[in-house]
Amino acid sequence: MIARALVLCMFLIGIAGLVAKRNLVKKTFALAIMNSAVVLLFVLEGSSIGDEAPLLGGPGASFVDPVPQALMLTAIVVGVCVSALALALAYRLYKAYGTLDVDELKRLSGHE
């Protein structure tokens, strides 16, 4: 129960970072925190299904489902790619406008 509560707190910290921060790099880190919380939740829930690894258990053992772990490996790779793309876009915006503040970028680009 406490592990799920900590994962929820981690996810809420990510949401707070997305909502409260105006810097694009900080928003990217908040997205990475949210992604990590989701991965931790899936691994936590997937590990509670069984006790033994599928290769090591004997007959009648309750096996851990490997599918959530395999899906979370894919989610980690996608999360890293999204973070890299977001940071590259933030870098290009900084080079073009000289700021990473979202409100200032809206004002400078004329999309207010």
N, C-alpha and C. Protein backbone atom coordinates (compact mmCIF):
# COMPACT_ATOMS: atom_id res chain seq x y z
N MET A 1 0.82 -1.20 0.00
CA MET A 1 0.00 0.00 0.00
C MET A 1 0.86 1.26 0.00
N ILE A 2 1.93 1.25 0.80
CA ILE A 2 2.79 2.43 0.88
C ILE A 2 3.53 2.66 -0.44
N ALA A 3 3.86 1.56 -1.14
CA ALA A 3 4.56 1.71 -2.42
C ALA A 3 3.66 2.39 -3.44
N ARG A 4 2.40 2.02 -3.46
CA ARG A 4 1.45 2.65 -4.40
C ARG A 4 1.26 4.13 -4.06
N ALA A 5 1.23 4.44 -2.78
CA ALA A 5 1.09 5.84 -2.36
C ALA A 5 2.31 6.66 -2.78
N LEU A 6 3.49 6.08 -2.66
CA LEU A 6 4.70 6.79 -3.08
C LEU A 6 4.73 7.00 -4.59
N VAL A 7 4.28 5.99 -5.34
CA VAL A 7 4.20 6.14 -6.80
C VAL A 7 3.20 7.23 -7.15
N LEU A 8 2.07 7.28 -6.46
CA LEU A 8 1.09 8.33 -6.70
C LEU A 8 1.67 9.71 -6.39
N CYS A 9 2.40 9.82 -5.28
CA CYS A 9 3.05 11.10 -4.94
C CYS A 9 4.05 11.51 -6.02
N MET A 10 4.78 10.55 -6.53
CA MET A 10 5.75 10.83 -7.59
C MET A 10 5.04 11.33 -8.85
N PHE A 11 3.93 10.70 -9.21
CA PHE A 11 3.16 11.12 -10.37
C PHE A 11 2.58 12.53 -10.16
N LEU A 12 2.08 12.80 -8.96
CA LEU A 12 1.53 14.12 -8.67
C LEU A 12 2.61 15.20 -8.67
N ILE A 13 3.83 14.85 -8.26
CA ILE A 13 4.94 15.80 -8.36
C ILE A 13 5.20 16.15 -9.81
N GLY A 14 5.13 15.16 -10.69
CA GLY A 14 5.30 15.42 -12.12
C GLY A 14 4.21 16.31 -12.67
N ILE A 15 2.97 16.07 -12.27
CA ILE A 15 1.86 16.93 -12.73
C ILE A 15 2.04 18.35 -12.21
N ALA A 16 2.44 18.47 -10.95
CA ALA A 16 2.67 19.81 -10.38
C ALA A 16 3.77 20.54 -11.13
N GLY A 17 4.81 19.81 -11.52
CA GLY A 17 5.87 20.42 -12.30
C GLY A 17 5.40 20.89 -13.66
N LEU A 18 4.53 20.13 -14.29
CA LEU A 18 3.99 20.54 -15.59
C LEU A 18 3.12 21.78 -15.48
N VAL A 19 2.34 21.84 -14.42
CA VAL A 19 1.38 22.94 -14.27
C VAL A 19 2.06 24.20 -13.73
N ALA A 20 2.92 24.04 -12.75
CA ALA A 20 3.44 25.20 -12.04
C ALA A 20 4.66 25.85 -12.68
N LYS A 21 5.49 25.08 -13.34
CA LYS A 21 6.74 25.62 -13.88
C LYS A 21 6.52 26.22 -15.26
N ARG A 22 7.26 27.29 -15.54
CA ARG A 22 7.15 27.95 -16.84
C ARG A 22 8.34 27.64 -17.75
N ASN A 23 9.40 27.08 -17.19
CA ASN A 23 10.59 26.75 -17.95
C ASN A 23 10.39 25.43 -18.70
N LEU A 24 10.74 25.41 -19.99
CA LEU A 24 10.52 24.20 -20.79
C LEU A 24 11.37 23.03 -20.35
N VAL A 25 12.58 23.28 -19.87
CA VAL A 25 13.44 22.19 -19.41
C VAL A 25 12.85 21.56 -18.15
N LYS A 26 12.33 22.38 -17.25
CA LYS A 26 11.70 21.86 -16.04
C LYS A 26 10.43 21.07 -16.37
N LYS A 27 9.70 21.51 -17.39
CA LYS A 27 8.52 20.76 -17.82
C LYS A 27 8.92 19.41 -18.41
N THR A 28 10.04 19.37 -19.11
CA THR A 28 10.54 18.11 -19.66
C THR A 28 10.92 17.16 -18.54
N PHE A 29 11.58 17.66 -17.51
CA PHE A 29 11.92 16.82 -16.37
C PHE A 29 10.67 16.34 -15.65
N ALA A 30 9.65 17.16 -15.57
CA ALA A 30 8.39 16.74 -14.95
C ALA A 30 7.75 15.60 -15.74
N LEU A 31 7.82 15.67 -17.07
CA LEU A 31 7.31 14.56 -17.89
C LEU A 31 8.10 13.29 -17.63
N ALA A 32 9.41 13.40 -17.47
CA ALA A 32 10.24 12.23 -17.20
C ALA A 32 9.89 11.63 -15.83
N ILE A 33 9.60 12.47 -14.86
CA ILE A 33 9.19 11.98 -13.54
C ILE A 33 7.86 11.24 -13.64
N MET A 34 6.92 11.78 -14.40
CA MET A 34 5.64 11.10 -14.57
C MET A 34 5.81 9.75 -15.27
N ASN A 35 6.68 9.71 -16.28
CA ASN A 35 6.95 8.46 -16.98
C ASN A 35 7.55 7.43 -16.03
N SER A 36 8.47 7.86 -15.19
CA SER A 36 9.08 6.94 -14.22
C SER A 36 8.05 6.42 -13.23
N ALA A 37 7.12 7.26 -12.82
CA ALA A 37 6.08 6.81 -11.89
C ALA A 37 5.19 5.75 -12.53
N VAL A 38 4.84 5.94 -13.79
CA VAL A 38 4.00 4.95 -14.48
C VAL A 38 4.75 3.63 -14.63
N VAL A 39 6.02 3.69 -14.98
CA VAL A 39 6.82 2.47 -15.11
C VAL A 39 6.91 1.76 -13.77
N LEU A 40 7.17 2.50 -12.71
CA LEU A 40 7.24 1.88 -11.38
C LEU A 40 5.92 1.23 -10.98
N LEU A 41 4.80 1.88 -11.30
CA LEU A 41 3.50 1.31 -10.96
C LEU A 41 3.26 -0.01 -11.70
N PHE A 42 3.59 -0.05 -12.98
CA PHE A 42 3.37 -1.28 -13.74
C PHE A 42 4.28 -2.40 -13.25
N VAL A 43 5.54 -2.10 -12.95
CA VAL A 43 6.45 -3.12 -12.44
C VAL A 43 5.98 -3.59 -11.06
N LEU A 44 5.53 -2.67 -10.23
CA LEU A 44 5.02 -3.03 -8.90
C LEU A 44 3.82 -3.95 -9.01
N GLU A 45 2.87 -3.58 -9.85
CA GLU A 45 1.67 -4.42 -9.98
C GLU A 45 1.98 -5.75 -10.66
N GLY A 46 2.90 -5.72 -11.63
CA GLY A 46 3.27 -6.97 -12.31
C GLY A 46 4.00 -7.93 -11.40
N SER A 47 4.76 -7.40 -10.44
CA SER A 47 5.51 -8.28 -9.54
C SER A 47 4.63 -8.87 -8.45
N SER A 48 3.46 -8.31 -8.23
CA SER A 48 2.59 -8.82 -7.16
C SER A 48 1.76 -10.03 -7.62
N ILE A 49 1.86 -10.38 -8.89
CA ILE A 49 1.06 -11.48 -9.41
C ILE A 49 1.59 -12.83 -8.95
N GLY A 50 2.92 -13.02 -8.99
CA GLY A 50 3.49 -14.32 -8.63
C GLY A 50 4.73 -14.17 -7.78
N ASP A 51 5.39 -15.33 -7.53
CA ASP A 51 6.55 -15.34 -6.66
C ASP A 51 7.83 -15.76 -7.37
N GLU A 52 7.74 -16.56 -8.40
CA GLU A 52 8.90 -17.16 -9.05
C GLU A 52 9.10 -16.61 -10.46
N ALA A 53 10.36 -16.56 -10.86
CA ALA A 53 10.65 -16.21 -12.25
C ALA A 53 10.21 -17.37 -13.14
N PRO A 54 9.74 -17.09 -14.35
CA PRO A 54 9.22 -18.17 -15.21
C PRO A 54 10.26 -19.24 -15.53
N LEU A 55 11.53 -18.92 -15.52
CA LEU A 55 12.55 -19.91 -15.86
C LEU A 55 13.00 -20.73 -14.66
N LEU A 56 12.81 -20.23 -13.46
CA LEU A 56 13.35 -20.89 -12.28
C LEU A 56 12.32 -21.69 -11.49
N GLY A 57 11.05 -21.44 -11.70
CA GLY A 57 10.02 -22.10 -10.89
C GLY A 57 9.79 -23.54 -11.28
N GLY A 58 9.40 -24.32 -10.32
CA GLY A 58 9.09 -25.72 -10.56
C GLY A 58 7.61 -25.89 -10.86
N PRO A 59 7.16 -27.13 -10.95
CA PRO A 59 5.74 -27.36 -11.22
C PRO A 59 4.87 -26.87 -10.06
N GLY A 60 3.79 -26.19 -10.41
CA GLY A 60 2.85 -25.69 -9.41
C GLY A 60 3.23 -24.35 -8.81
N ALA A 61 4.34 -23.74 -9.24
CA ALA A 61 4.76 -22.45 -8.69
C ALA A 61 3.95 -21.33 -9.35
N SER A 62 3.74 -20.25 -8.62
CA SER A 62 3.04 -19.10 -9.20
C SER A 62 4.09 -18.18 -9.83
N PHE A 63 3.98 -18.03 -11.12
CA PHE A 63 4.98 -17.30 -11.88
C PHE A 63 4.66 -15.81 -11.95
N VAL A 64 5.71 -15.01 -12.02
CA VAL A 64 5.57 -13.58 -12.25
C VAL A 64 5.30 -13.40 -13.74
N ASP A 65 4.34 -12.55 -14.06
CA ASP A 65 4.01 -12.30 -15.47
C ASP A 65 5.09 -11.41 -16.09
N PRO A 66 5.79 -11.88 -17.13
CA PRO A 66 6.86 -11.07 -17.72
C PRO A 66 6.36 -10.00 -18.70
N VAL A 67 5.10 -10.04 -19.08
CA VAL A 67 4.59 -9.09 -20.08
C VAL A 67 4.63 -7.64 -19.59
N PRO A 68 4.19 -7.31 -18.36
CA PRO A 68 4.29 -5.91 -17.92
C PRO A 68 5.73 -5.40 -17.90
N GLN A 69 6.66 -6.26 -17.54
CA GLN A 69 8.06 -5.82 -17.52
C GLN A 69 8.57 -5.57 -18.92
N ALA A 70 8.19 -6.40 -19.87
CA ALA A 70 8.60 -6.19 -21.26
C ALA A 70 7.98 -4.92 -21.82
N LEU A 71 6.73 -4.66 -21.49
CA LEU A 71 6.08 -3.44 -21.96
C LEU A 71 6.72 -2.20 -21.34
N MET A 72 7.16 -2.31 -20.10
CA MET A 72 7.77 -1.16 -19.45
C MET A 72 9.16 -0.87 -20.00
N LEU A 73 9.87 -1.89 -20.48
CA LEU A 73 11.13 -1.63 -21.18
C LEU A 73 10.88 -0.78 -22.41
N THR A 74 9.81 -1.09 -23.13
CA THR A 74 9.44 -0.28 -24.29
C THR A 74 9.04 1.12 -23.86
N ALA A 75 8.31 1.25 -22.76
CA ALA A 75 7.90 2.57 -22.27
C ALA A 75 9.10 3.40 -21.85
N ILE A 76 10.11 2.77 -21.29
CA ILE A 76 11.32 3.50 -20.91
C ILE A 76 12.01 4.06 -22.14
N VAL A 77 12.12 3.25 -23.19
CA VAL A 77 12.76 3.70 -24.42
C VAL A 77 11.97 4.85 -25.05
N VAL A 78 10.66 4.73 -25.09
CA VAL A 78 9.82 5.80 -25.64
C VAL A 78 9.95 7.06 -24.80
N GLY A 79 9.99 6.92 -23.47
CA GLY A 79 10.14 8.07 -22.59
C GLY A 79 11.45 8.79 -22.81
N VAL A 80 12.53 8.04 -23.00
CA VAL A 80 13.83 8.66 -23.26
C VAL A 80 13.81 9.40 -24.58
N CYS A 81 13.17 8.80 -25.59
CA CYS A 81 13.08 9.46 -26.90
C CYS A 81 12.25 10.74 -26.82
N VAL A 82 11.15 10.72 -26.09
CA VAL A 82 10.32 11.91 -25.94
C VAL A 82 11.08 13.00 -25.20
N SER A 83 11.82 12.61 -24.16
CA SER A 83 12.61 13.59 -23.41
C SER A 83 13.70 14.21 -24.30
N ALA A 84 14.36 13.38 -25.10
CA ALA A 84 15.41 13.89 -25.98
C ALA A 84 14.83 14.84 -27.02
N LEU A 85 13.68 14.50 -27.58
CA LEU A 85 13.04 15.38 -28.57
C LEU A 85 12.60 16.68 -27.92
N ALA A 86 12.02 16.61 -26.73
CA ALA A 86 11.57 17.82 -26.04
C ALA A 86 12.75 18.73 -25.70
N LEU A 87 13.86 18.15 -25.26
CA LEU A 87 15.03 18.96 -24.95
C LEU A 87 15.65 19.57 -26.21
N ALA A 88 15.63 18.83 -27.32
CA ALA A 88 16.13 19.37 -28.58
C ALA A 88 15.26 20.53 -29.06
N LEU A 89 13.95 20.38 -28.92
CA LEU A 89 13.05 21.48 -29.30
C LEU A 89 13.23 22.69 -28.39
N ALA A 90 13.44 22.44 -27.10
CA ALA A 90 13.68 23.55 -26.17
C ALA A 90 14.98 24.27 -26.53
N TYR A 91 15.99 23.52 -26.92
CA TYR A 91 17.26 24.13 -27.33
C TYR A 91 17.07 25.00 -28.56
N ARG A 92 16.31 24.50 -29.54
CA ARG A 92 16.07 25.29 -30.76
C ARG A 92 15.26 26.54 -30.46
N LEU A 93 14.29 26.43 -29.57
CA LEU A 93 13.52 27.61 -29.17
C LEU A 93 14.39 28.62 -28.45
N TYR A 94 15.30 28.13 -27.62
CA TYR A 94 16.20 29.04 -26.92
C TYR A 94 17.12 29.77 -27.90
N LYS A 95 17.61 29.04 -28.89
CA LYS A 95 18.48 29.68 -29.88
C LYS A 95 17.71 30.70 -30.72
N ALA A 96 16.45 30.42 -30.98
CA ALA A 96 15.66 31.33 -31.82
C ALA A 96 15.15 32.54 -31.04
N TYR A 97 14.72 32.36 -29.79
CA TYR A 97 14.08 33.43 -29.04
C TYR A 97 14.87 33.92 -27.83
N GLY A 98 15.86 33.15 -27.37
CA GLY A 98 16.66 33.58 -26.24
C GLY A 98 16.04 33.38 -24.88
N THR A 99 14.99 32.59 -24.80
CA THR A 99 14.33 32.32 -23.52
C THR A 99 13.70 30.93 -23.54
N LEU A 100 13.49 30.38 -22.35
CA LEU A 100 12.79 29.11 -22.21
C LEU A 100 11.47 29.27 -21.47
N ASP A 101 11.10 30.49 -21.13
CA ASP A 101 9.85 30.78 -20.43
C ASP A 101 8.68 30.64 -21.41
N VAL A 102 7.69 29.86 -21.04
CA VAL A 102 6.56 29.58 -21.93
C VAL A 102 5.78 30.86 -22.24
N ASP A 103 5.52 31.67 -21.24
CA ASP A 103 4.75 32.90 -21.47
C ASP A 103 5.52 33.87 -22.36
N GLU A 104 6.82 33.97 -22.15
CA GLU A 104 7.64 34.84 -22.97
C GLU A 104 7.71 34.33 -24.41
N LEU A 105 7.77 33.01 -24.58
CA LEU A 105 7.78 32.44 -25.93
C LEU A 105 6.47 32.72 -26.66
N LYS A 106 5.35 32.65 -25.94
CA LYS A 106 4.05 32.98 -26.55
C LYS A 106 4.03 34.44 -26.99
N ARG A 107 4.55 35.29 -26.12
CA ARG A 107 4.54 36.71 -26.44
C ARG A 107 5.45 37.01 -27.64
N LEU A 108 6.64 36.45 -27.65
CA LEU A 108 7.59 36.70 -28.72
C LEU A 108 7.16 36.12 -30.06
N SER A 109 6.46 34.99 -30.03
CA SER A 109 6.05 34.37 -31.28
C SER A 109 4.72 34.92 -31.81
N GLY A 110 4.04 35.73 -31.01
CA GLY A 110 2.79 36.34 -31.45
C GLY A 110 1.58 35.43 -31.34
N HIS A 111 1.64 34.42 -30.50
CA HIS A 111 0.50 33.48 -30.33
C HIS A 111 -0.21 33.69 -29.01
N GLU A 112 -0.34 34.91 -28.57
CA GLU A 112 -1.01 35.19 -27.31
C GLU A 112 -2.47 35.40 -27.46
